[in-house]
């Protein structure tokens, strides 16, 4: 009697465990989950690419300063923020209320 109860309980536990594993795998392979995983990977790749670009830019500035120092060239003055030229206003919009 004890043996039957033990094997019944072991079988039920194995069934619950297997069902849980299968349901988790199915949930992970659902289209919504795959889309979310792809989006997360894309964001992560974007961050890595941004970090790489910043490292390259830093290296370029450092190397340019080294070359400028070796050649005796002064670093160019910072031009400051870009000045945007404003164009005169011309209203050619015929739908405008007067």
Protein backbone atom coordinates (compact mmCIF):
# COMPACT_ATOMS: atom_id res chain seq x y z
CA UNK A 1 0.00 0.00 0.00
CA UNK A 2 2.81 2.38 0.90
CA UNK A 3 4.59 1.57 -2.34
CA UNK A 4 1.51 2.47 -4.45
CA UNK A 5 1.02 5.76 -2.61
CA UNK A 6 4.69 6.65 -3.07
CA UNK A 7 4.66 5.98 -6.82
CA UNK A 8 1.31 7.74 -7.28
CA UNK A 9 2.68 10.82 -5.51
CA UNK A 10 5.94 10.68 -7.46
CA UNK A 11 4.03 10.41 -10.74
CA UNK A 12 1.73 13.30 -9.86
CA UNK A 13 4.71 15.47 -8.88
CA UNK A 14 6.52 14.59 -12.12
CA UNK A 15 3.38 15.45 -14.10
CA UNK A 16 3.03 18.83 -12.40
CA UNK A 17 6.72 19.56 -12.94
CA UNK A 18 6.57 18.60 -16.64
CA UNK A 19 3.37 20.61 -17.21
CA UNK A 20 4.95 23.66 -15.59
CA UNK A 21 8.09 23.35 -17.74
CA UNK A 22 6.06 22.98 -20.94
CA UNK A 23 3.83 25.95 -20.12
CA UNK A 24 6.87 28.15 -19.42
CA UNK A 25 8.45 27.14 -22.73
CA UNK A 26 5.20 27.81 -24.61
CA UNK A 27 4.88 31.24 -22.96
CA UNK A 28 8.49 32.08 -23.93
CA UNK A 29 7.83 31.12 -27.54
CA UNK A 30 4.61 33.14 -27.85
CA UNK A 31 4.74 35.91 -30.49
CA UNK A 32 4.36 38.68 -27.90
CA UNK A 33 7.22 37.29 -25.85
CA UNK A 34 9.45 36.88 -28.89
CA UNK A 35 8.72 40.48 -29.94
CA UNK A 36 9.58 41.74 -26.47
CA UNK A 37 12.82 39.75 -26.46
CA UNK A 38 13.74 41.12 -29.88
CA UNK A 39 13.01 44.67 -28.74
CA UNK A 40 15.15 44.20 -25.63
CA UNK A 41 18.03 42.87 -27.75
CA UNK A 42 17.70 45.81 -30.16
CA UNK A 43 17.81 48.32 -27.30
CA UNK A 44 20.83 46.54 -25.84
CA UNK A 45 22.59 46.57 -29.22
CA UNK A 46 21.80 50.28 -29.58
CA UNK A 47 23.38 51.02 -26.20
CA UNK A 48 26.48 49.03 -27.14
CA UNK A 49 26.71 50.85 -30.46
CA UNK A 50 26.37 54.23 -28.74
CA UNK A 51 29.10 53.31 -26.25
CA UNK A 52 31.34 52.22 -29.11
CA UNK A 53 30.74 55.48 -31.00
CA UNK A 54 31.55 57.52 -27.89
CA UNK A 55 34.76 55.52 -27.36
CA UNK A 56 35.76 56.08 -31.00
CA UNK A 57 35.05 59.80 -30.73
CA UNK A 58 37.09 60.05 -27.52
CA UNK A 59 39.98 58.21 -29.18
CA UNK A 60 39.79 60.49 -32.21
CA UNK A 61 39.97 63.62 -30.05
CA UNK A 62 42.86 62.21 -28.04
CA UNK A 63 44.79 61.20 -31.18
CA UNK A 64 44.10 64.55 -32.85
CA UNK A 65 45.50 66.32 -29.78
CA UNK A 66 48.60 64.08 -29.86
CA UNK A 67 49.16 64.79 -33.55
CA UNK A 68 48.55 68.50 -33.07
CA UNK A 69 51.08 68.58 -30.25
CA UNK A 70 53.63 66.64 -32.29
CA UNK A 71 53.22 68.96 -35.28
CA UNK A 72 53.03 72.14 -33.21
CA UNK A 73 49.51 72.98 -34.34
CA UNK A 74 47.21 74.66 -31.86
CA UNK A 75 43.81 73.12 -31.26
CA UNK A 76 41.06 74.99 -33.11
CA UNK A 77 38.93 77.30 -31.00
CA UNK A 78 35.51 75.95 -30.11
CA UNK A 79 33.05 77.59 -32.53
CA UNK A 80 30.29 77.34 -29.94
CA UNK A 81 26.71 76.45 -30.71
CA UNK A 82 25.65 76.54 -34.33
CA UNK A 83 23.91 79.76 -35.30
CA UNK A 84 20.67 79.15 -37.14
CA UNK A 85 19.64 81.70 -39.68
CA UNK A 86 15.95 82.51 -39.57
CA UNK A 87 14.18 82.90 -42.86
CA UNK A 88 11.60 85.61 -43.41
CA UNK A 89 8.03 84.45 -42.93
CA UNK A 90 6.11 83.86 -46.13
CA UNK A 91 2.58 82.65 -45.82
CA UNK A 92 1.57 80.75 -48.90
CA UNK A 93 -0.98 78.73 -47.03
CA UNK A 94 -4.34 79.26 -48.74
CA UNK A 95 -6.19 77.47 -45.96
CA UNK A 96 -5.24 80.08 -43.41
CA UNK A 97 -8.08 82.09 -41.89
CA UNK A 98 -7.74 85.87 -42.26
